[in-house]
Amino acid sequence: MTDVVRTRSGTLPEARATRWNPSPEELRELTARMPNAKPTEFDNYNVQTRVVSRSKGSTYIISDHPEEHSDQTISPADAQVVAEAQDAYIRDQEMIVIDGYIGNDPEYRVPARLYIESANANIAGMQRWLYFDADNPGPGFEPRLTVIYTPNLAAPGYPSDRVITVDLEGGVTRVLNSDYFGESKKGGLRMWNKLTYDRGGLSLHAGCKVVPTANGEQAMLIIGLSGTGKTTTTFTRQNDSKPVQDDFVALYPGGLVVATENGCFAKTFALDPKFEPTIHGAVCKPEAYLENVSQHNGTIDFFDTSYTPNGRAVFRMDALGWHKDARDLKAVDHLLILNRNENIIPAVARLNREQAALYFMLGETQGTSAGGKEEEGKFLRVPGTNPFFPLLHDQQGNRFLELLDSCSFQVYLLNTGRVGGPDGDDRSKKVTIPYSSAVVKAIAEGTIQWESDPDFGYEVASAVPGVDDLEILQPRKLYQRQGRADEYAAIVKRLKQERRQYLEKFPGLHSEIVNAVA
């Protein structure tokens, strides 16, 4: 049992008592005591939270210069009021400290710490699985990034009485009145985004995998908003492929990839062992933590969304039984930009340099429950598909273009949604997981036949092994066959106009990117 000790004054807000780096067994025991934690048939725990998605509207960057950030800001004076209220609250609480690293490359890893109420031990347990293990955890550990987290302290006056303040310079994020684990995970990664940028790289909201081929291993990055198929694409196996990272990586000049997390925070909605056996197997192990997954009399139902479609699970990469260490990668070979669309985006398109930067900057997709009710089901544009980049998005787009000049990877646009219309429209077709998997395999093996698209200038596939429906690959043919050519042309015209207007919001963006709108 970990000792419960007084917090050292000056290092963290002083608490009534503090548990320093509890063991996995102790964290499980503390989680079991939570009134909203239920045991499952997998011998793990499922916690139902009050807050079921990230709270973007309650998140503020601490700055006197809002023009330097794309997200909303809060003044240092107002942030200090929040900090003092949180510190006063913590003095009467028992807290848990979790120490670890974001990343495992000795040159790039960042020491990080979570400081959270013991009453929400599941969050501590989940974060422990995602951190890489600290060399010397405890009072002597010196974190560069710290998340101070009080799920049960309200913040009157802020949206939903909830506030998250982000001190990029000090490396401290404070979270008040959210019990959703994502605020812990993203709290550290949001600050890490800036550190990566300052080092000359770019943080990507991306999974990473390695696909063996006859021409050697092919390393892939898969970027996309939460819920668009990033994790599924990363963990679906082609040629006995191995996942490297689930959610965030750093990309540096020359195509160097640096990992961030030693585990996975996976969406569980519609988790089917037939299509996603790897993730399903890891989620169903005793050491996994579940959050907001539907449960009836102890039995888990991954298809029931009556409470929320944003059910989640955290598991260690080791739970997969097979994965590859990012430190073993030489460089990226392919980058896939996911776009969960429902009209004219093809299952796959190959992009040139300027188009790659354009579609990276557009970050088009259909929002999911991970972004809350304000995003779910709506058409979104999120630069880099990274809602956690804390600086100006112009900087993100420009840095990506600069990195392309020092890297040799090819960039592709993948639709993980539908073509021809939304779900429920019998004229539309689904880009299924098997179709997407076949596309990924063909990209790695170099077996796709390409031709130029007359409307957008990128290349579309004329043949992909394993995809027997040309209309999935070239949606224009579906619209033509159905007598909807005028509808297709109208969508093309509208998209081009909207994209130009959208890019006008970023005056610092390189003209090469803007001019890539066909």
Protein backbone atom coordinates (compact mmCIF):
# COMPACT_ATOMS: atom_id res chain seq x y z
CA MET A 1 0.00 0.00 0.00
CA THR A 2 1.38 3.41 -0.98
CA ASP A 3 2.12 5.72 1.92
CA VAL A 4 -0.30 8.59 2.48
CA VAL A 5 1.82 11.64 3.26
CA ARG A 6 1.55 15.36 3.62
CA THR A 7 2.21 17.28 0.41
CA ARG A 8 5.42 19.25 0.43
CA SER A 9 4.62 22.95 0.47
CA GLY A 10 5.83 24.79 -2.61
CA THR A 11 5.75 21.87 -5.04
CA LEU A 12 2.00 21.31 -5.31
CA PRO A 13 -1.03 22.87 -3.65
CA GLU A 14 -0.99 21.48 -0.13
CA ALA A 15 -3.56 18.77 0.54
CA ARG A 16 -4.94 17.15 3.66
CA ALA A 17 -3.11 14.02 2.54
CA THR A 18 -1.49 12.75 -0.65
CA ARG A 19 -0.97 9.31 -2.13
CA TRP A 20 2.23 9.33 -4.18
CA ASN A 21 2.14 7.08 -7.26
CA PRO A 22 -0.15 4.28 -6.03
CA SER A 23 0.36 0.86 -7.56
CA PRO A 24 -2.06 -0.39 -10.24
CA GLU A 25 -3.59 -2.69 -7.61
CA GLU A 26 -4.19 0.19 -5.21
CA LEU A 27 -5.67 2.37 -7.94
CA ARG A 28 -8.04 -0.45 -8.86
CA GLU A 29 -9.03 -0.80 -5.20
CA LEU A 30 -9.68 2.94 -4.89
CA THR A 31 -11.70 2.89 -8.09
CA ALA A 32 -13.82 0.03 -6.76
CA ARG A 33 -14.86 2.25 -3.85
CA MET A 34 -16.32 4.90 -6.15
CA PRO A 35 -20.14 4.87 -6.03
CA ASN A 36 -20.34 5.35 -9.81
CA ALA A 37 -17.92 2.48 -10.59
CA LYS A 38 -19.48 -0.83 -11.58
CA PRO A 39 -17.68 -4.16 -11.99
CA THR A 40 -18.09 -5.77 -15.40
CA GLU A 41 -18.07 -9.34 -16.64
CA PHE A 42 -14.47 -8.69 -17.74
CA ASP A 43 -13.35 -8.18 -14.13
CA ASN A 44 -12.62 -4.50 -14.77
CA TYR A 45 -14.53 -1.35 -13.79
CA ASN A 46 -16.84 0.90 -15.76
CA VAL A 47 -17.32 4.43 -14.39
CA GLN A 48 -20.31 6.54 -15.35
CA THR A 49 -19.36 10.23 -15.30
CA ARG A 50 -21.39 13.41 -15.04
CA VAL A 51 -19.50 14.99 -17.94
CA VAL A 52 -19.34 12.77 -21.02
CA SER A 53 -17.08 14.70 -23.42
CA ARG A 54 -14.39 17.35 -23.44
CA SER A 55 -15.44 20.87 -22.42
CA LYS A 56 -14.09 23.11 -25.17
CA GLY A 57 -16.37 26.00 -24.20
CA SER A 58 -14.93 25.98 -20.67
CA THR A 59 -11.26 25.81 -21.72
CA TYR A 60 -9.06 28.93 -21.71
CA ILE A 61 -5.43 29.67 -22.57
CA ILE A 62 -3.91 32.01 -19.97
CA SER A 63 -2.68 35.04 -21.90
CA ASP A 64 -2.83 38.82 -22.12
CA HIS A 65 -2.46 38.45 -25.90
CA PRO A 66 -5.53 36.68 -27.33
CA GLU A 67 -4.33 37.52 -30.85
CA GLU A 68 -1.57 34.91 -30.38
CA HIS A 69 -4.05 32.05 -29.95
CA SER A 70 -6.87 30.53 -31.98
CA ASP A 71 -8.67 29.41 -28.82
CA GLN A 72 -10.31 31.60 -26.20
CA THR A 73 -8.12 33.13 -23.52
CA ILE A 74 -8.32 34.21 -19.91
CA SER A 75 -6.27 36.95 -18.28
CA PRO A 76 -3.53 35.96 -15.83
CA ALA A 77 -5.38 37.86 -13.09
CA ASP A 78 -8.61 35.91 -13.61
CA ALA A 79 -6.66 32.66 -13.85
CA GLN A 80 -5.03 33.43 -10.52
CA VAL A 81 -8.47 33.69 -8.91
CA VAL A 82 -9.28 30.22 -10.26
CA ALA A 83 -5.96 28.86 -8.97
CA GLU A 84 -6.48 30.27 -5.49
CA ALA A 85 -9.98 28.80 -5.26
CA GLN A 86 -8.68 25.41 -6.34
CA ASP A 87 -5.74 25.54 -3.91
CA ALA A 88 -8.09 26.37 -1.03
CA TYR A 89 -10.33 23.44 -1.95
CA ILE A 90 -7.40 21.00 -2.18
CA ARG A 91 -6.30 21.77 1.38
CA ASP A 92 -9.26 19.72 2.62
CA GLN A 93 -8.91 16.85 0.15
CA GLU A 94 -6.98 13.62 -0.17
CA MET A 95 -5.10 13.74 -3.47
CA ILE A 96 -3.25 11.31 -5.73
CA VAL A 97 -0.02 12.04 -7.60
CA ILE A 98 0.79 10.15 -10.81
CA ASP A 99 4.23 10.77 -12.34
CA GLY A 100 5.41 9.69 -15.76
CA TYR A 101 6.65 10.74 -19.17
CA ILE A 102 4.90 11.95 -22.28
CA GLY A 103 6.99 10.05 -24.81
CA ASN A 104 9.71 7.46 -24.40
CA ASP A 105 12.51 8.82 -26.59
CA PRO A 106 15.22 9.94 -24.13
CA GLU A 107 15.93 13.05 -26.21
CA TYR A 108 12.32 14.21 -26.53
CA ARG A 109 10.36 12.75 -23.60
CA VAL A 110 8.70 15.23 -21.24
CA PRO A 111 8.27 14.59 -17.50
CA ALA A 112 4.62 15.03 -16.56
CA ARG A 113 2.45 14.82 -13.46
CA LEU A 114 -1.24 14.44 -12.64
CA TYR A 115 -2.50 15.68 -9.25
CA ILE A 116 -6.11 14.62 -8.69
CA GLU A 117 -8.67 13.94 -5.98
CA SER A 118 -8.59 10.39 -4.62
CA ALA A 119 -12.37 10.35 -4.98
CA ASN A 120 -11.78 10.04 -8.76
CA ALA A 121 -9.15 7.34 -8.68
CA ASN A 122 -10.24 5.93 -12.06
CA ILE A 123 -8.77 9.01 -13.75
CA ALA A 124 -5.49 8.42 -11.94
CA GLY A 125 -5.53 4.76 -13.00
CA MET A 126 -6.25 5.64 -16.62
CA GLN A 127 -3.53 8.29 -16.75
CA ARG A 128 -1.02 5.89 -15.22
CA TRP A 129 -1.60 3.52 -18.13
CA LEU A 130 -1.03 6.29 -20.68
CA TYR A 131 2.15 7.74 -19.18
CA PHE A 132 5.44 6.04 -19.86
CA ASP A 133 6.90 4.99 -16.51
CA ALA A 134 8.98 7.57 -14.64
CA ASP A 135 12.54 6.63 -13.69
CA ASN A 136 12.28 8.03 -10.15
CA PRO A 137 8.65 8.90 -9.38
CA GLY A 138 7.82 10.70 -6.18
CA PRO A 139 8.56 13.97 -4.41
CA GLY A 140 11.95 14.28 -6.13
CA PHE A 141 10.49 13.95 -9.63
CA GLU A 142 10.52 17.29 -11.48
CA PRO A 143 7.67 17.54 -13.99
CA ARG A 144 7.79 19.96 -16.91
CA LEU A 145 4.00 19.66 -17.34
CA THR A 146 1.44 19.32 -14.53
CA VAL A 147 -2.34 18.85 -14.52
CA ILE A 148 -4.04 19.85 -11.25
CA TYR A 149 -7.46 18.28 -11.32
CA THR A 150 -10.46 18.73 -8.99
CA PRO A 151 -13.49 17.04 -10.60
CA ASN A 152 -15.79 17.93 -7.69
CA LEU A 153 -15.09 21.66 -7.39
CA ALA A 154 -17.59 23.88 -9.22
CA ALA A 155 -16.49 27.08 -10.95
CA PRO A 156 -19.48 29.46 -10.82
CA GLY A 157 -19.51 32.06 -13.55
CA TYR A 158 -17.96 29.83 -16.19
CA PRO A 159 -19.85 27.72 -18.77
CA SER A 160 -21.57 24.83 -17.00
CA ASP A 161 -19.81 25.99 -13.79
CA ARG A 162 -16.69 24.37 -15.25
CA VAL A 163 -13.28 25.81 -16.15
CA ILE A 164 -9.99 24.53 -17.53
CA THR A 165 -7.11 27.04 -17.50
CA VAL A 166 -3.95 26.38 -19.49
CA ASP A 167 -0.67 28.04 -18.52
CA LEU A 168 1.56 27.28 -21.48
CA GLU A 169 4.59 29.09 -20.12
CA GLY A 170 4.38 27.61 -16.64
CA GLY A 171 3.34 24.18 -17.88
CA VAL A 172 0.30 23.89 -15.59
CA THR A 173 -3.29 23.07 -16.53
CA ARG A 174 -6.02 23.35 -13.89
CA VAL A 175 -9.29 21.45 -14.33
CA LEU A 176 -12.37 22.24 -12.23
CA ASN A 177 -15.72 20.40 -12.24
CA SER A 178 -15.24 17.80 -14.96
CA ASP A 179 -14.94 14.10 -14.16
CA TYR A 180 -14.32 13.12 -17.81
CA PHE A 181 -10.92 11.47 -18.20
CA GLY A 182 -10.23 13.25 -21.47
CA GLU A 183 -9.45 16.46 -19.58
CA SER A 184 -6.50 14.74 -17.90
CA LYS A 185 -5.19 13.19 -21.09
CA LYS A 186 -5.59 16.29 -23.22
CA GLY A 187 -4.49 18.58 -20.41
CA GLY A 188 -0.93 17.31 -20.68
CA LEU A 189 -0.93 16.85 -24.45
CA ARG A 190 -2.24 20.36 -25.14
CA MET A 191 0.74 21.88 -23.33
CA TRP A 192 3.06 19.35 -24.99
CA ASN A 193 1.83 20.67 -28.37
CA LYS A 194 3.58 23.97 -27.73
CA LEU A 195 6.79 22.31 -26.53
CA THR A 196 6.92 20.31 -29.77
CA TYR A 197 6.37 23.44 -31.87
CA ASP A 198 9.08 25.30 -29.99
CA ARG A 199 11.49 22.43 -30.73
CA GLY A 200 10.92 22.77 -34.49
CA GLY A 201 8.41 19.93 -34.86
CA LEU A 202 4.65 19.65 -35.06
CA SER A 203 2.28 17.68 -32.87
CA LEU A 204 -0.18 15.62 -34.88
CA HIS A 205 -3.50 14.26 -33.66
CA ALA A 206 -2.50 10.97 -35.22
CA GLY A 207 -2.17 7.27 -34.83
CA CYS A 208 0.87 5.46 -36.16
CA LYS A 209 1.32 1.94 -37.51
CA VAL A 210 3.84 -0.16 -39.43
CA VAL A 211 2.70 -2.41 -42.29
CA PRO A 212 5.07 -5.15 -43.52
CA THR A 213 5.29 -5.43 -47.33
CA ALA A 214 7.47 -7.15 -49.92
CA ASN A 215 9.34 -3.84 -50.20
CA GLY A 216 9.97 -3.59 -46.47
CA GLU A 217 8.04 -2.06 -43.58
CA GLN A 218 5.90 0.96 -44.35
CA ALA A 219 5.34 3.46 -41.53
CA MET A 220 2.03 5.31 -41.60
CA LEU A 221 0.60 8.27 -39.71
CA ILE A 222 -3.21 8.51 -39.53
CA ILE A 223 -4.62 11.90 -38.55
CA GLY A 224 -8.26 12.61 -37.79
CA LEU A 225 -10.69 13.96 -35.23
CA SER A 226 -11.78 11.66 -32.41
CA GLY A 227 -14.44 9.26 -33.64
CA THR A 228 -13.55 9.45 -37.34
CA GLY A 229 -11.83 6.05 -37.45
CA LYS A 230 -8.29 6.99 -36.43
CA THR A 231 -7.96 4.29 -33.79
CA THR A 232 -9.77 1.71 -35.92
CA THR A 233 -7.50 2.42 -38.88
CA THR A 234 -4.42 2.29 -36.66
CA PHE A 235 -5.29 -1.05 -35.05
CA THR A 236 -6.85 -2.86 -38.03
CA ARG A 237 -4.29 -5.39 -39.22
CA GLN A 238 -2.94 -5.52 -42.75
CA ASN A 239 -0.12 -8.01 -43.43
CA ASP A 240 0.26 -8.50 -39.66
CA SER A 241 0.76 -4.75 -39.19
CA LYS A 242 1.62 -3.40 -35.75
CA PRO A 243 0.33 -0.25 -34.05
CA VAL A 244 2.91 2.21 -32.74
CA GLN A 245 0.76 4.99 -31.28
CA ASP A 246 -2.95 5.61 -30.95
CA ASP A 247 -3.62 9.31 -30.60
CA PHE A 248 -0.77 11.83 -30.71
CA VAL A 249 2.72 11.90 -32.18
CA ALA A 250 5.35 14.54 -32.79
CA LEU A 251 6.70 14.89 -36.33
CA TYR A 252 10.16 16.40 -36.74
CA PRO A 253 12.26 17.30 -39.81
CA GLY A 254 13.33 14.30 -41.85
CA GLY A 255 10.16 12.38 -40.95
CA LEU A 256 11.23 11.51 -37.41
CA VAL A 257 8.26 10.31 -35.32
CA VAL A 258 8.20 10.64 -31.52
CA ALA A 259 5.54 8.80 -29.50
CA THR A 260 3.56 10.27 -26.61
CA GLU A 261 1.58 7.57 -24.80
CA ASN A 262 2.07 4.01 -23.62
CA GLY A 263 -1.61 3.17 -23.96
CA CYS A 264 -4.83 3.86 -25.80
CA PHE A 265 -7.98 5.89 -25.01
CA ALA A 266 -10.36 4.15 -27.41
CA LYS A 267 -13.97 4.86 -28.30
CA THR A 268 -16.07 1.78 -27.62
CA PHE A 269 -19.25 2.59 -29.54
CA ALA A 270 -20.12 -0.33 -31.85
CA LEU A 271 -16.94 -2.14 -30.82
CA ASP A 272 -17.28 -5.44 -32.67
CA PRO A 273 -14.80 -8.30 -32.24
CA LYS A 274 -15.46 -9.29 -35.84
CA PHE A 275 -14.09 -6.02 -37.24
CA GLU A 276 -11.88 -4.80 -34.38
CA PRO A 277 -10.67 -7.91 -32.54
CA THR A 278 -7.48 -6.30 -31.26
CA ILE A 279 -9.15 -3.36 -29.54
CA HIS A 280 -12.02 -5.52 -28.30
CA GLY A 281 -9.60 -7.99 -26.74
CA ALA A 282 -7.64 -5.28 -24.94
CA VAL A 283 -10.79 -3.52 -23.67
CA CYS A 284 -12.06 -6.79 -22.19
CA LYS A 285 -8.99 -7.45 -20.05
CA PRO A 286 -9.14 -6.93 -16.25
CA GLU A 287 -6.57 -4.13 -16.24
CA ALA A 288 -8.56 -1.95 -18.67
CA TYR A 289 -10.61 1.01 -17.42
CA LEU A 290 -14.01 1.67 -18.98
CA GLU A 291 -15.81 4.99 -18.94
CA ASN A 292 -19.48 5.60 -19.81
CA VAL A 293 -19.99 2.27 -21.57
CA SER A 294 -23.59 1.03 -21.41
CA GLN A 295 -24.02 -1.66 -18.77
CA HIS A 296 -27.03 -3.74 -17.72
CA ASN A 297 -26.76 -5.95 -14.62
CA GLY A 298 -23.01 -6.09 -15.01
CA THR A 299 -23.13 -6.92 -18.73
CA ILE A 300 -21.45 -4.48 -21.12
CA ASP A 301 -23.28 -3.40 -24.29
CA PHE A 302 -21.01 -1.56 -26.71
CA PHE A 303 -23.90 -0.83 -29.07
CA ASP A 304 -26.25 0.90 -26.63
CA THR A 305 -25.92 4.70 -26.68
CA SER A 306 -28.76 5.54 -24.30
CA TYR A 307 -26.37 7.32 -21.90
CA THR A 308 -23.81 8.54 -24.44
CA PRO A 309 -22.29 7.34 -27.72
CA ASN A 310 -18.93 8.53 -26.36
CA GLY A 311 -18.12 5.44 -24.31
CA ARG A 312 -14.39 4.98 -23.81
CA ALA A 313 -11.76 2.55 -22.56
CA VAL A 314 -8.11 2.89 -21.57
CA PHE A 315 -5.64 0.05 -21.87
CA ARG A 316 -1.87 -0.33 -21.93
CA MET A 317 -0.21 -1.00 -25.30
CA ASP A 318 1.17 -4.21 -23.82
CA ALA A 319 -2.42 -5.48 -23.54
CA LEU A 320 -2.48 -5.84 -27.33
CA GLY A 321 0.15 -8.55 -27.22
CA TRP A 322 1.91 -6.94 -30.18
CA HIS A 323 3.00 -3.40 -31.02
CA LYS A 324 6.09 -1.59 -32.27
CA ASP A 325 8.16 1.02 -30.45
CA ALA A 326 8.34 4.42 -32.20
CA ARG A 327 12.05 4.54 -31.46
CA ASP A 328 12.48 1.71 -33.99
CA LEU A 329 11.02 3.74 -36.87
CA LYS A 330 13.39 5.38 -39.33
CA ALA A 331 10.93 7.80 -40.95
CA VAL A 332 7.32 8.12 -42.08
CA ASP A 333 6.42 6.67 -45.48
CA HIS A 334 2.73 7.63 -45.72
CA LEU A 335 0.37 10.08 -44.02
CA LEU A 336 -3.38 9.54 -44.16
CA ILE A 337 -5.83 12.40 -43.50
CA LEU A 338 -9.20 11.00 -42.42
CA ASN A 339 -12.40 12.77 -43.44
CA ARG A 340 -15.66 11.18 -42.26
CA ASN A 341 -17.83 12.62 -45.02
CA GLU A 342 -21.18 11.74 -46.56
CA ASN A 343 -21.22 13.12 -50.10
CA ILE A 344 -18.46 13.38 -52.71
CA ILE A 345 -15.15 12.65 -50.94
CA PRO A 346 -13.69 9.42 -52.40
CA ALA A 347 -12.56 6.47 -50.32
CA VAL A 348 -8.99 7.54 -51.11
CA ALA A 349 -7.27 10.39 -52.97
CA ARG A 350 -3.55 10.99 -53.48
CA LEU A 351 -2.37 14.55 -52.82
CA ASN A 352 0.56 16.60 -54.06
CA ARG A 353 2.59 18.81 -51.69
CA GLU A 354 0.33 21.87 -51.77
CA GLN A 355 -2.87 19.81 -51.68
CA ALA A 356 -1.52 17.90 -48.68
CA ALA A 357 -1.02 21.14 -46.76
CA LEU A 358 -4.45 22.36 -47.91
CA TYR A 359 -6.41 19.33 -46.71
CA PHE A 360 -4.36 19.23 -43.53
CA MET A 361 -5.33 22.84 -42.88
CA LEU A 362 -8.98 22.32 -43.82
CA GLY A 363 -9.34 19.36 -41.43
CA GLU A 364 -12.79 18.58 -42.83
CA THR A 365 -14.94 15.92 -41.24
CA GLN A 366 -18.27 15.18 -39.60
CA GLY A 367 -18.21 15.83 -35.85
CA THR A 368 -18.78 13.03 -33.37
CA SER A 369 -19.87 12.72 -29.74
CA ALA A 370 -16.25 13.13 -28.60
CA GLY A 371 -16.61 16.86 -29.22
CA GLY A 372 -19.87 17.20 -27.31
CA LYS A 373 -23.37 17.98 -28.53
CA GLU A 374 -22.19 21.21 -30.20
CA GLU A 375 -20.07 19.15 -32.66
CA GLU A 376 -21.86 15.80 -32.95
CA GLY A 377 -23.24 15.19 -36.43
CA LYS A 378 -22.18 18.60 -37.78
CA PHE A 379 -19.82 19.31 -40.65
CA LEU A 380 -16.61 20.66 -39.16
CA ARG A 381 -13.33 22.19 -40.23
CA VAL A 382 -10.61 21.77 -37.60
CA PRO A 383 -7.08 22.64 -38.82
CA GLY A 384 -4.86 19.59 -38.64
CA THR A 385 -7.88 17.77 -37.16
CA ASN A 386 -6.19 18.85 -33.92
CA PRO A 387 -8.57 20.65 -31.53
CA PHE A 388 -5.78 20.91 -28.94
CA PHE A 389 -3.22 23.05 -30.78
CA PRO A 390 -2.89 26.06 -28.42
CA LEU A 391 -1.24 28.57 -30.78
CA LEU A 392 -2.48 30.12 -34.04
CA HIS A 393 -3.66 27.64 -36.63
CA ASP A 394 -1.74 29.59 -39.30
CA GLN A 395 1.42 28.39 -37.54
CA GLN A 396 0.22 24.80 -37.63
CA GLY A 397 -0.48 24.84 -41.38
CA ASN A 398 2.77 26.60 -42.25
CA ARG A 399 4.86 24.26 -40.10
CA PHE A 400 3.27 21.23 -41.80
CA LEU A 401 4.17 22.64 -45.23
CA GLU A 402 7.75 23.25 -44.05
CA LEU A 403 8.04 19.71 -42.73
CA LEU A 404 6.87 18.30 -46.06
CA ASP A 405 9.98 19.79 -47.65
CA SER A 406 12.27 17.77 -45.39
CA CYS A 407 10.23 14.55 -45.50
CA SER A 408 9.66 12.09 -48.31
CA PHE A 409 6.28 10.65 -47.33
CA GLN A 410 3.21 10.62 -49.56
CA VAL A 411 -0.07 12.12 -48.28
CA TYR A 412 -3.56 10.70 -48.89
CA LEU A 413 -7.12 11.79 -48.10
CA LEU A 414 -9.38 8.97 -46.85
CA ASN A 415 -13.15 9.09 -46.43
CA THR A 416 -14.24 6.87 -43.52
CA GLY A 417 -17.91 7.76 -43.83
CA ARG A 418 -20.23 7.46 -46.83
CA VAL A 419 -20.62 8.61 -50.41
CA GLY A 420 -23.84 9.79 -52.02
CA GLY A 421 -25.68 10.86 -48.89
CA PRO A 422 -26.11 10.34 -45.14
CA ASP A 423 -26.92 7.15 -43.29
CA GLY A 424 -30.56 6.37 -43.98
CA ASP A 425 -30.43 7.58 -47.59
CA ASP A 426 -30.78 4.38 -49.65
CA ARG A 427 -28.93 6.04 -52.54
CA SER A 428 -25.73 6.30 -50.47
CA LYS A 429 -22.98 3.77 -49.87
CA LYS A 430 -20.89 3.11 -46.76
CA VAL A 431 -17.11 3.10 -46.88
CA THR A 432 -16.90 0.02 -44.69
CA ILE A 433 -14.05 -0.97 -42.38
CA PRO A 434 -13.04 -3.80 -44.79
CA TYR A 435 -12.95 -1.29 -47.68
CA SER A 436 -10.83 1.15 -45.66
CA SER A 437 -8.53 -1.68 -44.59
CA ALA A 438 -8.06 -2.73 -48.22
CA VAL A 439 -7.18 0.85 -49.13
CA VAL A 440 -4.57 1.06 -46.36
CA LYS A 441 -3.06 -2.25 -47.45
CA ALA A 442 -2.91 -1.14 -51.07
CA ILE A 443 -1.27 2.17 -50.11
CA ALA A 444 1.42 0.31 -48.19
CA GLU A 445 2.00 -2.14 -51.05
CA GLY A 446 1.79 0.47 -53.82
CA THR A 447 -0.91 -1.43 -55.73
CA ILE A 448 -3.45 1.35 -56.35
CA GLN A 449 -4.05 2.52 -59.93
CA TRP A 450 -4.54 6.28 -60.12
CA GLU A 451 -6.12 8.83 -62.44
CA SER A 452 -6.63 12.58 -62.18
CA ASP A 453 -9.89 13.95 -60.76
CA PRO A 454 -11.26 16.69 -63.05
CA ASP A 455 -12.91 18.68 -60.27
CA PHE A 456 -10.39 18.82 -57.43
CA GLY A 457 -7.08 18.10 -59.15
CA TYR A 458 -6.03 15.32 -56.82
CA GLU A 459 -5.66 11.72 -57.97
CA VAL A 460 -8.45 9.21 -57.38
CA ALA A 461 -8.22 5.44 -57.60
CA SER A 462 -9.39 3.58 -60.67
CA ALA A 463 -8.65 0.22 -59.07
CA VAL A 464 -7.83 -0.98 -55.55
CA PRO A 465 -7.31 -4.66 -54.70
CA GLY A 466 -10.07 -5.67 -52.30
CA VAL A 467 -12.46 -2.85 -53.27
CA ASP A 468 -15.01 -4.11 -55.79
CA ASP A 469 -17.13 -0.93 -56.04
CA LEU A 470 -15.78 1.83 -58.31
CA GLU A 471 -18.41 4.27 -57.05
CA ILE A 472 -16.82 4.17 -53.60
CA LEU A 473 -13.54 5.19 -55.23
CA GLN A 474 -15.06 7.75 -57.62
CA PRO A 475 -18.30 9.15 -56.15
CA ARG A 476 -18.93 11.21 -59.30
CA LYS A 477 -19.85 7.98 -61.08
CA LEU A 478 -22.46 7.18 -58.41
CA TYR A 479 -24.07 10.61 -58.81
CA GLN A 480 -24.02 10.30 -62.62
CA ARG A 481 -25.60 6.84 -62.57
CA GLN A 482 -28.36 8.07 -60.27
CA GLY A 483 -29.12 11.13 -62.42
CA ARG A 484 -27.68 13.47 -59.79
CA ALA A 485 -24.88 15.04 -61.84
CA ASP A 486 -26.21 18.56 -61.20
CA GLU A 487 -26.26 17.87 -57.45
CA TYR A 488 -22.64 16.70 -57.63
CA ALA A 489 -21.58 19.83 -59.56
CA ALA A 490 -23.34 22.06 -57.04
CA ILE A 491 -21.51 20.39 -54.14
CA VAL A 492 -18.17 20.85 -55.93
CA LYS A 493 -18.85 24.54 -56.48
CA ARG A 494 -20.03 25.07 -52.90
CA LEU A 495 -17.03 23.30 -51.37
CA LYS A 496 -14.55 25.37 -53.35
CA GLN A 497 -16.26 28.62 -52.37
CA GLU A 498 -16.52 27.63 -48.71
CA ARG A 499 -12.90 26.51 -48.57
CA ARG A 500 -11.62 29.80 -49.95
CA GLN A 501 -13.75 31.73 -47.48
CA TYR A 502 -12.59 29.54 -44.62
CA LEU A 503 -8.91 30.01 -45.40
CA GLU A 504 -9.38 33.80 -45.34
CA LYS A 505 -9.66 33.43 -41.54
CA PHE A 506 -5.93 32.68 -41.42
CA PRO A 507 -4.10 35.75 -42.77
CA GLY A 508 -0.68 34.35 -41.87
CA LEU A 509 -1.13 31.19 -43.91
CA HIS A 510 1.34 30.65 -46.78
CA SER A 511 -0.20 31.55 -50.15
CA GLU A 512 0.81 28.14 -51.58
CA ILE A 513 -1.71 26.50 -49.28
CA VAL A 514 -4.52 28.93 -50.08
CA ASN A 515 -3.92 28.69 -53.84
CA ALA A 516 -4.20 24.88 -53.72
CA VAL A 517 -8.00 25.19 -53.69
CA ALA A 518 -8.66 23.97 -57.24
